[in-house]
């Protein structure tokens, strides 16, 4: 029996991505390992100037390293406010504290003018940790002709599907958490992205997440379970 809780699931859809963002898009990364203390810290800061009201896609990928039994959080902020998902790793009860990757994504519609984009790192239990070198922050202005986003407002109920008797070729039971209606005509390129965190509640299991289209899992060359 697999029992888990899913929280802060964020999904995005980009339709007809006929161009890869404007020249005002930016990319930044940490030059060296950076220790984060108990307080919330802006580890990467960049700015973007918009000539008109625009959608902006923001992503940060990297790694953090426990120097103590920390509960580490990485999150994107725009103009001082958190956006997108919070990527959390809890080492406070771990028997083997190892560095871990993180992923944070957000899409926001911003007014014309200058905006400040930051990657924040914080500990939820006053224990320090280290943000790894080359952890990054990408800001993509006008990523597509149509952008849609959705997010869970609260943690899910316990997810505990009955997997007894399933074989290696069985279809896995799934539970939908976030839905987005995607428009567009046939043949338009579409990019679907999601980021989530899952934590154990009850017996140990092997939880997975994926993106489905019209209720069907996509083939391996288009999407993957994670």
C-alpha atoms as a PDB file:
ATOM      1  CA  UNK A   1       0.000   0.000   0.000  1.00  0.00           C
ATOM      2  CA  UNK A   2       1.382   3.380  -0.985  1.00  0.00           C
ATOM      3  CA  UNK A   3       0.363   6.298   1.215  1.00  0.00           C
ATOM      4  CA  UNK A   4       1.525   9.780   0.307  1.00  0.00           C
ATOM      5  CA  UNK A   5       0.390  13.371   0.348  1.00  0.00           C
ATOM      6  CA  UNK A   6       0.864  15.694  -2.591  1.00  0.00           C
ATOM      7  CA  UNK A   7       1.283  19.415  -2.043  1.00  0.00           C
ATOM      8  CA  UNK A   8       2.048  22.557  -4.024  1.00  0.00           C
ATOM      9  CA  UNK A   9       1.584  20.909  -7.425  1.00  0.00           C
ATOM     10  CA  UNK A  10       2.098  23.482 -10.169  1.00  0.00           C
ATOM     11  CA  UNK A  11       1.295  22.884 -13.832  1.00  0.00           C
ATOM     12  CA  UNK A  12       1.771  25.098 -16.876  1.00  0.00           C
ATOM     13  CA  UNK A  13       0.929  24.909 -20.559  1.00  0.00           C
ATOM     14  CA  UNK A  14       2.637  26.877 -23.329  1.00  0.00           C
ATOM     15  CA  UNK A  15       0.974  26.777 -26.759  1.00  0.00           C
ATOM     16  CA  UNK A  16       2.559  27.637 -30.123  1.00  0.00           C
ATOM     17  CA  UNK A  17       6.005  28.366 -28.788  1.00  0.00           C
ATOM     18  CA  UNK A  18       7.157  29.727 -32.140  1.00  0.00           C
ATOM     19  CA  UNK A  19       9.959  31.728 -30.565  1.00  0.00           C
ATOM     20  CA  UNK A  20      12.196  31.211 -27.551  1.00  0.00           C
ATOM     21  CA  UNK A  21      11.621  34.410 -25.656  1.00  0.00           C
ATOM     22  CA  UNK A  22      12.716  37.992 -26.170  1.00  0.00           C
ATOM     23  CA  UNK A  23      16.242  39.390 -25.957  1.00  0.00           C
ATOM     24  CA  UNK A  24      15.403  40.819 -22.524  1.00  0.00           C
ATOM     25  CA  UNK A  25      15.352  37.238 -21.169  1.00  0.00           C
ATOM     26  CA  UNK A  26      18.112  36.462 -18.662  1.00  0.00           C
ATOM     27  CA  UNK A  27      20.087  33.537 -17.255  1.00  0.00           C
ATOM     28  CA  UNK A  28      22.046  33.613 -13.979  1.00  0.00           C
ATOM     29  CA  UNK A  29      23.802  31.032 -11.817  1.00  0.00           C
ATOM     30  CA  UNK A  30      25.706  30.789  -8.542  1.00  0.00           C
ATOM     31  CA  UNK A  31      29.463  31.095  -9.062  1.00  0.00           C
ATOM     32  CA  UNK A  32      30.290  29.060  -5.943  1.00  0.00           C
ATOM     33  CA  UNK A  33      28.683  27.092  -3.122  1.00  0.00           C
ATOM     34  CA  UNK A  34      26.703  29.468  -0.888  1.00  0.00           C
ATOM     35  CA  UNK A  35      25.828  28.792   2.748  1.00  0.00           C
ATOM     36  CA  UNK A  36      22.284  29.736   3.721  1.00  0.00           C
ATOM     37  CA  UNK A  37      21.646  30.493   7.372  1.00  0.00           C
ATOM     38  CA  UNK A  38      18.368  30.322   9.278  1.00  0.00           C
ATOM     39  CA  UNK A  39      17.042  33.521   7.674  1.00  0.00           C
ATOM     40  CA  UNK A  40      15.458  33.725   4.216  1.00  0.00           C
ATOM     41  CA  UNK A  41      18.208  34.644   1.734  1.00  0.00           C
ATOM     42  CA  UNK A  42      18.066  35.906  -1.854  1.00  0.00           C
ATOM     43  CA  UNK A  43      20.881  33.861  -3.410  1.00  0.00           C
ATOM     44  CA  UNK A  44      20.365  35.046  -7.014  1.00  0.00           C
ATOM     45  CA  UNK A  45      18.909  38.398  -8.074  1.00  0.00           C
ATOM     46  CA  UNK A  46      18.269  39.623 -11.598  1.00  0.00           C
ATOM     47  CA  UNK A  47      15.994  42.162 -13.261  1.00  0.00           C
ATOM     48  CA  UNK A  48      13.894  42.229 -16.390  1.00  0.00           C
ATOM     49  CA  UNK A  49      12.587  45.260 -18.292  1.00  0.00           C
ATOM     50  CA  UNK A  50       9.337  44.847 -20.231  1.00  0.00           C
ATOM     51  CA  UNK A  51       8.289  47.158 -23.057  1.00  0.00           C
ATOM     52  CA  UNK A  52       4.669  45.971 -22.696  1.00  0.00           C
ATOM     53  CA  UNK A  53       2.560  43.830 -20.389  1.00  0.00           C
ATOM     54  CA  UNK A  54       3.944  40.318 -20.859  1.00  0.00           C
ATOM     55  CA  UNK A  55       3.940  36.740 -19.667  1.00  0.00           C
ATOM     56  CA  UNK A  56       7.245  35.757 -18.080  1.00  0.00           C
ATOM     57  CA  UNK A  57       8.300  32.149 -17.432  1.00  0.00           C
ATOM     58  CA  UNK A  58      10.825  31.637 -14.625  1.00  0.00           C
ATOM     59  CA  UNK A  59      12.661  28.450 -13.673  1.00  0.00           C
ATOM     60  CA  UNK A  60      15.391  27.488 -11.233  1.00  0.00           C
ATOM     61  CA  UNK A  61      17.191  24.150 -11.144  1.00  0.00           C
ATOM     62  CA  UNK A  62      20.085  23.225  -8.906  1.00  0.00           C
ATOM     63  CA  UNK A  63      21.137  21.370  -5.795  1.00  0.00           C
ATOM     64  CA  UNK A  64      21.375  21.986  -2.105  1.00  0.00           C
ATOM     65  CA  UNK A  65      23.586  20.309   0.447  1.00  0.00           C
ATOM     66  CA  UNK A  66      22.787  19.673   4.135  1.00  0.00           C
ATOM     67  CA  UNK A  67      25.397  20.915   6.595  1.00  0.00           C
ATOM     68  CA  UNK A  68      22.972  20.023   9.412  1.00  0.00           C
ATOM     69  CA  UNK A  69      19.521  18.480   9.732  1.00  0.00           C
ATOM     70  CA  UNK A  70      17.866  21.281   7.785  1.00  0.00           C
ATOM     71  CA  UNK A  71      14.465  21.568   6.096  1.00  0.00           C
ATOM     72  CA  UNK A  72      15.599  23.407   2.982  1.00  0.00           C
ATOM     73  CA  UNK A  73      13.343  25.456   0.722  1.00  0.00           C
ATOM     74  CA  UNK A  74      14.047  27.052  -2.658  1.00  0.00           C
ATOM     75  CA  UNK A  75      11.477  29.417  -4.205  1.00  0.00           C
ATOM     76  CA  UNK A  76      11.193  32.123  -6.861  1.00  0.00           C
ATOM     77  CA  UNK A  77      10.189  35.664  -5.903  1.00  0.00           C
ATOM     78  CA  UNK A  78       9.068  38.489  -8.208  1.00  0.00           C
ATOM     79  CA  UNK A  79       9.092  42.049  -6.857  1.00  0.00           C
ATOM     80  CA  UNK A  80       9.348  40.675  -3.319  1.00  0.00           C
ATOM     81  CA  UNK A  81       6.423  38.226  -3.541  1.00  0.00           C
ATOM     82  CA  UNK A  82       6.694  34.414  -3.812  1.00  0.00           C
ATOM     83  CA  UNK A  83       5.449  32.849  -7.053  1.00  0.00           C
ATOM     84  CA  UNK A  84       5.186  29.284  -8.293  1.00  0.00           C
ATOM     85  CA  UNK A  85       5.977  26.235  -6.199  1.00  0.00           C
ATOM     86  CA  UNK A  86       8.224  25.874  -3.164  1.00  0.00           C
ATOM     87  CA  UNK A  87      10.806  23.108  -3.568  1.00  0.00           C
ATOM     88  CA  UNK A  88      11.361  21.525  -0.134  1.00  0.00           C
ATOM     89  CA  UNK A  89      13.739  18.812   1.086  1.00  0.00           C
ATOM     90  CA  UNK A  90      13.491  17.668   4.718  1.00  0.00           C
ATOM     91  CA  UNK A  91      16.708  16.273   6.187  1.00  0.00           C
ATOM     92  CA  UNK A  92      15.567  16.739   9.797  1.00  0.00           C
ATOM     93  CA  UNK A  93      14.747  13.053  10.289  1.00  0.00           C
ATOM     94  CA  UNK A  94      16.998  11.594   7.586  1.00  0.00           C
ATOM     95  CA  UNK A  95      19.389   8.771   8.454  1.00  0.00           C
ATOM     96  CA  UNK A  96      21.563   9.598   5.440  1.00  0.00           C
ATOM     97  CA  UNK A  97      21.754  13.334   4.707  1.00  0.00           C
ATOM     98  CA  UNK A  98      22.855  13.696   1.091  1.00  0.00           C
ATOM     99  CA  UNK A  99      22.737  16.616  -1.332  1.00  0.00           C
ATOM    100  CA  UNK A 100      19.552  16.772  -3.396  1.00  0.00           C
ATOM    101  CA  UNK A 101      18.359  18.437  -6.567  1.00  0.00           C
ATOM    102  CA  UNK A 102      15.559  21.008  -6.524  1.00  0.00           C
ATOM    103  CA  UNK A 103      13.250  22.518  -9.150  1.00  0.00           C
ATOM    104  CA  UNK A 104      11.077  25.624  -8.972  1.00  0.00           C
ATOM    105  CA  UNK A 105       8.920  27.026 -11.786  1.00  0.00           C
ATOM    106  CA  UNK A 106       6.552  29.960 -12.191  1.00  0.00           C
ATOM    107  CA  UNK A 107       4.723  31.855 -14.939  1.00  0.00           C
ATOM    108  CA  UNK A 108       3.508  35.362 -14.150  1.00  0.00           C
ATOM    109  CA  UNK A 109       1.845  38.113 -16.174  1.00  0.00           C
ATOM    110  CA  UNK A 110       3.728  41.343 -15.455  1.00  0.00           C
ATOM    111  CA  UNK A 111       3.062  44.950 -16.334  1.00  0.00           C
ATOM    112  CA  UNK A 112       5.380  47.004 -18.525  1.00  0.00           C
ATOM    113  CA  UNK A 113       8.448  48.337 -16.726  1.00  0.00           C
ATOM    114  CA  UNK A 114      11.276  46.937 -14.616  1.00  0.00           C
ATOM    115  CA  UNK A 115      10.816  43.932 -12.319  1.00  0.00           C
ATOM    116  CA  UNK A 116      13.135  42.178  -9.855  1.00  0.00           C
ATOM    117  CA  UNK A 117      13.351  38.373  -9.988  1.00  0.00           C
ATOM    118  CA  UNK A 118      15.071  36.417  -7.211  1.00  0.00           C
ATOM    119  CA  UNK A 119      15.813  32.872  -6.136  1.00  0.00           C
ATOM    120  CA  UNK A 120      15.285  32.639  -2.377  1.00  0.00           C
ATOM    121  CA  UNK A 121      16.583  29.903  -0.089  1.00  0.00           C
ATOM    122  CA  UNK A 122      15.392  29.424   3.467  1.00  0.00           C
ATOM    123  CA  UNK A 123      15.512  26.882   6.286  1.00  0.00           C
ATOM    124  CA  UNK A 124      12.233  25.965   7.948  1.00  0.00           C
ATOM    125  CA  UNK A 125      13.873  24.763  11.166  1.00  0.00           C
ATOM    126  CA  UNK A 126      16.770  27.229  11.738  1.00  0.00           C
ATOM    127  CA  UNK A 127      19.407  24.754  10.508  1.00  0.00           C
ATOM    128  CA  UNK A 128      21.834  25.939   7.817  1.00  0.00           C
ATOM    129  CA  UNK A 129      22.459  24.318   4.443  1.00  0.00           C
ATOM    130  CA  UNK A 130      24.395  25.101   1.253  1.00  0.00           C
ATOM    131  CA  UNK A 131      23.140  26.039  -2.188  1.00  0.00           C
ATOM    132  CA  UNK A 132      25.380  24.338  -4.728  1.00  0.00           C
ATOM    133  CA  UNK A 133      27.440  26.173  -7.326  1.00  0.00           C
ATOM    134  CA  UNK A 134      25.785  26.575 -10.746  1.00  0.00           C
ATOM    135  CA  UNK A 135      22.288  26.481  -9.283  1.00  0.00           C
ATOM    136  CA  UNK A 136      20.519  28.772 -11.723  1.00  0.00           C
ATOM    137  CA  UNK A 137      17.706  31.196 -12.445  1.00  0.00           C
ATOM    138  CA  UNK A 138      16.220  31.519 -15.946  1.00  0.00           C
ATOM    139  CA  UNK A 139      13.810  34.318 -16.893  1.00  0.00           C
ATOM    140  CA  UNK A 140      12.084  33.899 -20.274  1.00  0.00           C
ATOM    141  CA  UNK A 141      10.039  36.860 -21.545  1.00  0.00           C
ATOM    142  CA  UNK A 142       7.070  36.082 -23.846  1.00  0.00           C
ATOM    143  CA  UNK A 143       7.714  32.312 -23.941  1.00  0.00           C
ATOM    144  CA  UNK A 144       4.688  31.492 -26.139  1.00  0.00           C
ATOM    145  CA  UNK A 145       1.559  32.898 -27.736  1.00  0.00           C
ATOM    146  CA  UNK A 146      -0.660  31.383 -25.018  1.00  0.00           C
ATOM    147  CA  UNK A 147       0.197  30.555 -21.399  1.00  0.00           C
ATOM    148  CA  UNK A 148      -1.992  28.859 -18.772  1.00  0.00           C
ATOM    149  CA  UNK A 149      -1.196  27.970 -15.159  1.00  0.00           C
ATOM    150  CA  UNK A 150      -2.888  26.140 -12.293  1.00  0.00           C
ATOM    151  CA  UNK A 151      -1.897  25.174  -8.764  1.00  0.00           C
ATOM    152  CA  UNK A 152      -3.259  23.175  -5.826  1.00  0.00           C
ATOM    153  CA  UNK A 153      -4.443  25.490  -3.080  1.00  0.00           C
ATOM    154  CA  UNK A 154      -4.002  22.936  -0.285  1.00  0.00           C
ATOM    155  CA  UNK A 155      -2.320  19.605   0.338  1.00  0.00           C
ATOM    156  CA  UNK A 156      -4.170  16.622  -1.085  1.00  0.00           C
ATOM    157  CA  UNK A 157      -5.848  13.914   0.950  1.00  0.00           C
ATOM    158  CA  UNK A 158      -3.855  10.737   1.521  1.00  0.00           C
ATOM    159  CA  UNK A 159      -3.117   9.000  -1.792  1.00  0.00           C
ATOM    160  CA  UNK A 160      -3.212   5.242  -1.261  1.00  0.00           C
ATOM    161  CA  UNK A 161      -4.162   3.290  -4.430  1.00  0.00           C
ATOM    162  CA  UNK A 162      -4.556  -0.464  -4.230  1.00  0.00           C
ATOM    163  CA  UNK A 163      -1.651  -1.879  -6.232  1.00  0.00           C
ATOM    164  CA  UNK A 164      -2.099  -5.472  -5.089  1.00  0.00           C
ATOM    165  CA  UNK A 165      -1.835  -7.893  -7.999  1.00  0.00           C
ATOM    166  CA  UNK A 166      -0.433  -5.412 -10.520  1.00  0.00           C
ATOM    167  CA  UNK A 167       2.146  -6.796 -12.936  1.00  0.00           C
ATOM    168  CA  UNK A 168       5.007  -5.079 -14.753  1.00  0.00           C
ATOM    169  CA  UNK A 169       2.666  -4.429 -17.697  1.00  0.00           C
ATOM    170  CA  UNK A 170      -0.334  -3.220 -15.680  1.00  0.00           C
ATOM    171  CA  UNK A 171      -1.663   0.313 -16.057  1.00  0.00           C
ATOM    172  CA  UNK A 172      -0.868   2.208 -12.858  1.00  0.00           C
ATOM    173  CA  UNK A 173      -3.794   3.826 -11.019  1.00  0.00           C
ATOM    174  CA  UNK A 174      -3.625   7.628 -11.085  1.00  0.00           C
ATOM    175  CA  UNK A 175      -5.274  10.529  -9.283  1.00  0.00           C
ATOM    176  CA  UNK A 176      -5.703  13.894 -11.060  1.00  0.00           C
ATOM    177  CA  UNK A 177      -4.667  16.931  -8.994  1.00  0.00           C
ATOM    178  CA  UNK A 178      -4.487  19.908 -11.358  1.00  0.00           C
ATOM    179  CA  UNK A 179      -6.298  20.385 -14.660  1.00  0.00           C
ATOM    180  CA  UNK A 180      -5.614  22.918 -17.419  1.00  0.00           C
ATOM    181  CA  UNK A 181      -7.692  23.403 -20.572  1.00  0.00           C
ATOM    182  CA  UNK A 182      -5.331  23.902 -23.510  1.00  0.00           C
ATOM    183  CA  UNK A 183      -6.621  25.500 -26.714  1.00  0.00           C
ATOM    184  CA  UNK A 184      -5.061  25.722 -30.139  1.00  0.00           C
ATOM    185  CA  UNK A 185      -5.372  24.081 -33.531  1.00  0.00           C
ATOM    186  CA  UNK A 186      -3.939  20.743 -34.607  1.00  0.00           C
ATOM    187  CA  UNK A 187      -0.201  20.689 -35.110  1.00  0.00           C
ATOM    188  CA  UNK A 188       0.659  23.547 -32.762  1.00  0.00           C
ATOM    189  CA  UNK A 189       3.665  22.780 -30.562  1.00  0.00           C
ATOM    190  CA  UNK A 190       2.719  22.644 -26.891  1.00  0.00           C
ATOM    191  CA  UNK A 191       4.995  22.477 -23.844  1.00  0.00           C
ATOM    192  CA  UNK A 192       3.565  21.128 -20.564  1.00  0.00           C
ATOM    193  CA  UNK A 193       5.504  21.511 -17.323  1.00  0.00           C
ATOM    194  CA  UNK A 194       4.847  20.632 -13.696  1.00  0.00           C
ATOM    195  CA  UNK A 195       6.643  20.656 -10.376  1.00  0.00           C
ATOM    196  CA  UNK A 196       5.450  19.069  -7.138  1.00  0.00           C
ATOM    197  CA  UNK A 197       6.552  17.771  -3.784  1.00  0.00           C
ATOM    198  CA  UNK A 198       5.384  14.544  -2.167  1.00  0.00           C
ATOM    199  CA  UNK A 199       5.842  13.375   1.391  1.00  0.00           C
ATOM    200  CA  UNK A 200       5.236  10.114   3.204  1.00  0.00           C
ATOM    201  CA  UNK A 201       2.124   9.640   5.316  1.00  0.00           C
ATOM    202  CA  UNK A 202       1.833   6.109   6.678  1.00  0.00           C
ATOM    203  CA  UNK A 203       3.513   3.104   5.084  1.00  0.00           C
ATOM    204  CA  UNK A 204       6.437   3.504   2.720  1.00  0.00           C
ATOM    205  CA  UNK A 205       5.671   3.554  -0.985  1.00  0.00           C
ATOM    206  CA  UNK A 206       7.024   4.536  -4.384  1.00  0.00           C
ATOM    207  CA  UNK A 207       5.023   7.589  -5.477  1.00  0.00           C
ATOM    208  CA  UNK A 208       5.248   8.897  -9.033  1.00  0.00           C
ATOM    209  CA  UNK A 209       3.934  11.942 -10.877  1.00  0.00           C
ATOM    210  CA  UNK A 210       3.274  12.469 -14.571  1.00  0.00           C
ATOM    211  CA  UNK A 211       1.373  14.702 -16.991  1.00  0.00           C
ATOM    212  CA  UNK A 212      -1.532  13.272 -18.976  1.00  0.00           C
ATOM    213  CA  UNK A 213      -3.210  14.694 -22.089  1.00  0.00           C
ATOM    214  CA  UNK A 214      -6.964  14.118 -22.474  1.00  0.00           C
ATOM    215  CA  UNK A 215      -6.706  11.484 -19.734  1.00  0.00           C
ATOM    216  CA  UNK A 216      -3.906   9.518 -21.397  1.00  0.00           C
ATOM    217  CA  UNK A 217      -0.248   9.189 -20.475  1.00  0.00           C
ATOM    218  CA  UNK A 218       2.030  10.476 -23.204  1.00  0.00           C
ATOM    219  CA  UNK A 219       4.605   8.232 -24.927  1.00  0.00           C
ATOM    220  CA  UNK A 220       8.145   8.159 -23.563  1.00  0.00           C
ATOM    221  CA  UNK A 221       9.500  10.434 -26.318  1.00  0.00           C
ATOM    222  CA  UNK A 222       7.047  13.171 -25.265  1.00  0.00           C
ATOM    223  CA  UNK A 223       6.831  12.906 -21.472  1.00  0.00           C
ATOM    224  CA  UNK A 224       7.992  10.878 -18.501  1.00  0.00           C
ATOM    225  CA  UNK A 225       7.036   9.722 -15.023  1.00  0.00           C
ATOM    226  CA  UNK A 226       9.105  11.209 -12.222  1.00  0.00           C
END
